[in-house]
Amino acid sequence: MTLTMMAAAASGPAPVTHGGGSNNTEGDVSRKSNMARKKRDRISVVKEIDSAEERLQSCRNSLEEVDYRLRKDELTEEGR
């Protein structure tokens, strides 16, 4: 499960809306706006975490390459 999927699951079920006329009060609009902002914030955090994990993996790969080259050089020098 990706972090994006986990964030979506953590946000809980979709809000229940009631059918009817156009009697949206200012509170309803404000609440919906806050919910939308919170959802964007969660997604933004998830994207930042994903990006940090990708950078970490890139650093680990680079470190493995350097370690491999160093070992290869050491073995070459010992074999001489």
N, C-alpha and C. Protein backbone atom coordinates (compact mmCIF):
# COMPACT_ATOMS: atom_id res chain seq x y z
N MET A 1 0.85 -1.17 0.00
CA MET A 1 0.00 0.00 0.00
C MET A 1 0.90 1.24 0.00
N THR A 2 0.68 2.13 -0.94
CA THR A 2 1.49 3.35 -1.00
C THR A 2 1.04 4.33 0.06
N LEU A 3 1.89 5.30 0.32
CA LEU A 3 1.55 6.32 1.32
C LEU A 3 0.33 7.12 0.88
N THR A 4 0.19 7.34 -0.41
CA THR A 4 -0.97 8.08 -0.90
C THR A 4 -2.25 7.31 -0.60
N MET A 5 -2.21 6.00 -0.79
CA MET A 5 -3.38 5.19 -0.51
C MET A 5 -3.67 5.17 0.99
N MET A 6 -2.60 5.12 1.81
CA MET A 6 -2.78 5.11 3.26
C MET A 6 -3.41 6.43 3.72
N ALA A 7 -2.99 7.55 3.13
CA ALA A 7 -3.55 8.84 3.52
C ALA A 7 -5.02 8.91 3.15
N ALA A 8 -5.38 8.36 2.00
CA ALA A 8 -6.77 8.38 1.58
C ALA A 8 -7.61 7.52 2.53
N ALA A 9 -7.05 6.38 2.95
CA ALA A 9 -7.77 5.51 3.89
C ALA A 9 -7.89 6.17 5.25
N ALA A 10 -6.87 6.91 5.65
CA ALA A 10 -6.87 7.56 6.96
C ALA A 10 -7.87 8.71 7.02
N SER A 11 -8.21 9.25 5.86
CA SER A 11 -9.13 10.39 5.86
C SER A 11 -10.55 9.96 6.22
N GLY A 12 -10.79 8.66 6.22
CA GLY A 12 -12.10 8.17 6.64
C GLY A 12 -13.08 8.15 5.49
N PRO A 13 -14.30 7.78 5.80
CA PRO A 13 -15.33 7.70 4.74
C PRO A 13 -15.70 9.08 4.24
N ALA A 14 -16.27 9.07 3.07
CA ALA A 14 -16.71 10.33 2.47
C ALA A 14 -17.81 10.93 3.33
N PRO A 15 -17.86 12.26 3.39
CA PRO A 15 -18.89 12.89 4.20
C PRO A 15 -20.29 12.59 3.66
N VAL A 16 -21.24 12.48 4.56
CA VAL A 16 -22.62 12.20 4.19
C VAL A 16 -23.29 13.51 3.81
N THR A 17 -23.90 13.51 2.64
CA THR A 17 -24.62 14.70 2.21
C THR A 17 -26.10 14.34 2.15
N HIS A 18 -26.91 15.29 2.43
CA HIS A 18 -28.35 15.08 2.40
C HIS A 18 -28.93 15.79 1.19
N GLY A 19 -29.77 15.07 0.49
CA GLY A 19 -30.40 15.67 -0.68
C GLY A 19 -31.37 16.75 -0.26
N GLY A 20 -31.76 17.53 -1.20
CA GLY A 20 -32.72 18.57 -0.86
C GLY A 20 -32.45 19.81 -1.68
N GLY A 21 -33.00 20.88 -1.23
CA GLY A 21 -32.88 22.15 -1.93
C GLY A 21 -31.50 22.74 -1.78
N SER A 22 -31.38 23.94 -2.23
CA SER A 22 -30.09 24.61 -2.18
C SER A 22 -29.98 25.44 -0.91
N ASN A 23 -30.10 24.78 0.22
CA ASN A 23 -30.07 25.49 1.49
C ASN A 23 -28.70 25.38 2.17
N ASN A 24 -27.63 25.48 1.37
CA ASN A 24 -26.28 25.46 1.94
C ASN A 24 -26.09 26.70 2.79
N THR A 25 -25.75 26.46 4.01
CA THR A 25 -25.48 27.59 4.88
C THR A 25 -24.01 27.93 4.79
N GLU A 26 -23.65 29.07 5.33
CA GLU A 26 -22.26 29.49 5.30
C GLU A 26 -21.38 28.49 6.05
N GLY A 27 -21.91 27.90 7.12
CA GLY A 27 -21.18 26.90 7.89
C GLY A 27 -20.87 25.66 7.08
N ASP A 28 -21.85 25.21 6.27
CA ASP A 28 -21.63 24.05 5.42
C ASP A 28 -20.52 24.31 4.41
N VAL A 29 -20.54 25.47 3.79
CA VAL A 29 -19.53 25.82 2.80
C VAL A 29 -18.16 25.91 3.46
N SER A 30 -18.12 26.53 4.64
CA SER A 30 -16.87 26.66 5.36
C SER A 30 -16.33 25.30 5.77
N ARG A 31 -17.20 24.43 6.23
CA ARG A 31 -16.80 23.09 6.64
C ARG A 31 -16.25 22.31 5.45
N LYS A 32 -16.92 22.41 4.32
CA LYS A 32 -16.45 21.72 3.11
C LYS A 32 -15.10 22.27 2.68
N SER A 33 -14.94 23.57 2.79
CA SER A 33 -13.68 24.19 2.43
C SER A 33 -12.55 23.70 3.33
N ASN A 34 -12.84 23.62 4.64
CA ASN A 34 -11.83 23.13 5.59
C ASN A 34 -11.48 21.68 5.31
N MET A 35 -12.47 20.87 4.99
CA MET A 35 -12.22 19.47 4.70
C MET A 35 -11.36 19.33 3.45
N ALA A 36 -11.65 20.13 2.43
CA ALA A 36 -10.87 20.08 1.19
C ALA A 36 -9.43 20.51 1.46
N ARG A 37 -9.25 21.53 2.29
CA ARG A 37 -7.90 22.00 2.60
C ARG A 37 -7.13 20.93 3.38
N LYS A 38 -7.79 20.29 4.34
CA LYS A 38 -7.14 19.23 5.12
C LYS A 38 -6.73 18.07 4.23
N LYS A 39 -7.59 17.72 3.29
CA LYS A 39 -7.28 16.63 2.37
C LYS A 39 -6.07 17.00 1.52
N ARG A 40 -6.02 18.24 1.01
CA ARG A 40 -4.87 18.70 0.23
C ARG A 40 -3.61 18.67 1.07
N ASP A 41 -3.73 19.09 2.33
CA ASP A 41 -2.57 19.09 3.22
C ASP A 41 -2.05 17.68 3.43
N ARG A 42 -2.95 16.72 3.64
CA ARG A 42 -2.53 15.33 3.84
C ARG A 42 -1.84 14.81 2.59
N ILE A 43 -2.40 15.10 1.44
CA ILE A 43 -1.80 14.64 0.19
C ILE A 43 -0.43 15.28 0.00
N SER A 44 -0.32 16.56 0.35
CA SER A 44 0.96 17.25 0.24
C SER A 44 2.00 16.61 1.13
N VAL A 45 1.63 16.26 2.34
CA VAL A 45 2.56 15.61 3.27
C VAL A 45 2.97 14.25 2.72
N VAL A 46 2.03 13.51 2.18
CA VAL A 46 2.32 12.20 1.62
C VAL A 46 3.30 12.33 0.46
N LYS A 47 3.09 13.34 -0.39
CA LYS A 47 4.01 13.55 -1.51
C LYS A 47 5.40 13.89 -1.01
N GLU A 48 5.50 14.69 0.04
CA GLU A 48 6.80 15.03 0.61
C GLU A 48 7.49 13.79 1.16
N ILE A 49 6.74 12.93 1.83
CA ILE A 49 7.30 11.69 2.36
C ILE A 49 7.77 10.79 1.23
N ASP A 50 6.95 10.65 0.19
CA ASP A 50 7.34 9.84 -0.97
C ASP A 50 8.62 10.38 -1.59
N SER A 51 8.72 11.68 -1.72
CA SER A 51 9.90 12.30 -2.30
C SER A 51 11.13 12.04 -1.43
N ALA A 52 10.97 12.15 -0.12
CA ALA A 52 12.09 11.90 0.80
C ALA A 52 12.53 10.43 0.72
N GLU A 53 11.56 9.52 0.62
CA GLU A 53 11.90 8.10 0.50
C GLU A 53 12.63 7.81 -0.80
N GLU A 54 12.23 8.47 -1.88
CA GLU A 54 12.92 8.30 -3.16
C GLU A 54 14.36 8.82 -3.08
N ARG A 55 14.55 9.98 -2.43
CA ARG A 55 15.91 10.52 -2.27
C ARG A 55 16.76 9.59 -1.41
N LEU A 56 16.17 9.04 -0.35
CA LEU A 56 16.88 8.10 0.51
C LEU A 56 17.32 6.87 -0.27
N GLN A 57 16.42 6.34 -1.08
CA GLN A 57 16.76 5.16 -1.89
C GLN A 57 17.87 5.50 -2.88
N SER A 58 17.81 6.68 -3.47
CA SER A 58 18.86 7.11 -4.40
C SER A 58 20.21 7.19 -3.68
N CYS A 59 20.20 7.75 -2.48
CA CYS A 59 21.45 7.85 -1.70
C CYS A 59 21.98 6.47 -1.35
N ARG A 60 21.09 5.56 -0.98
CA ARG A 60 21.54 4.19 -0.66
C ARG A 60 22.15 3.52 -1.89
N ASN A 61 21.53 3.71 -3.05
CA ASN A 61 22.07 3.13 -4.28
C ASN A 61 23.45 3.70 -4.59
N SER A 62 23.61 5.01 -4.43
CA SER A 62 24.90 5.64 -4.68
C SER A 62 25.96 5.11 -3.71
N LEU A 63 25.58 4.95 -2.46
CA LEU A 63 26.49 4.44 -1.45
C LEU A 63 26.92 3.01 -1.79
N GLU A 64 25.99 2.21 -2.25
CA GLU A 64 26.31 0.83 -2.64
C GLU A 64 27.29 0.83 -3.81
N GLU A 65 27.10 1.73 -4.78
CA GLU A 65 28.02 1.82 -5.92
C GLU A 65 29.42 2.20 -5.47
N VAL A 66 29.52 3.18 -4.58
CA VAL A 66 30.82 3.61 -4.08
C VAL A 66 31.48 2.48 -3.30
N ASP A 67 30.70 1.80 -2.45
CA ASP A 67 31.23 0.68 -1.67
C ASP A 67 31.74 -0.41 -2.60
N TYR A 68 31.00 -0.71 -3.65
CA TYR A 68 31.41 -1.73 -4.62
C TYR A 68 32.74 -1.34 -5.28
N ARG A 69 32.84 -0.08 -5.70
CA ARG A 69 34.09 0.38 -6.34
C ARG A 69 35.27 0.29 -5.39
N LEU A 70 35.07 0.68 -4.14
CA LEU A 70 36.16 0.60 -3.16
C LEU A 70 36.60 -0.84 -2.93
N ARG A 71 35.65 -1.74 -2.80
CA ARG A 71 36.00 -3.16 -2.62
C ARG A 71 36.73 -3.70 -3.84
N LYS A 72 36.26 -3.31 -5.00
CA LYS A 72 36.89 -3.76 -6.24
C LYS A 72 38.33 -3.28 -6.30
N ASP A 73 38.58 -2.01 -5.96
CA ASP A 73 39.94 -1.46 -5.96
C ASP A 73 40.80 -2.17 -4.94
N GLU A 74 40.28 -2.46 -3.75
CA GLU A 74 41.06 -3.15 -2.72
C GLU A 74 41.44 -4.55 -3.18
N LEU A 75 40.52 -5.26 -3.80
CA LEU A 75 40.81 -6.61 -4.29
C LEU A 75 41.84 -6.56 -5.40
N THR A 76 41.75 -5.55 -6.24
CA THR A 76 42.70 -5.43 -7.35
C THR A 76 44.10 -5.18 -6.80
N GLU A 77 44.25 -4.32 -5.81
CA GLU A 77 45.55 -4.01 -5.23
C GLU A 77 46.12 -5.22 -4.51
N GLU A 78 45.31 -6.01 -3.83
CA GLU A 78 45.79 -7.18 -3.11
C GLU A 78 46.23 -8.28 -4.08
N GLY A 79 45.58 -8.35 -5.20
CA GLY A 79 45.92 -9.37 -6.19
C GLY A 79 47.23 -9.10 -6.90
N ARG A 80 47.75 -7.89 -6.79
CA ARG A 80 48.98 -7.54 -7.50
C ARG A 80 50.19 -8.11 -6.87
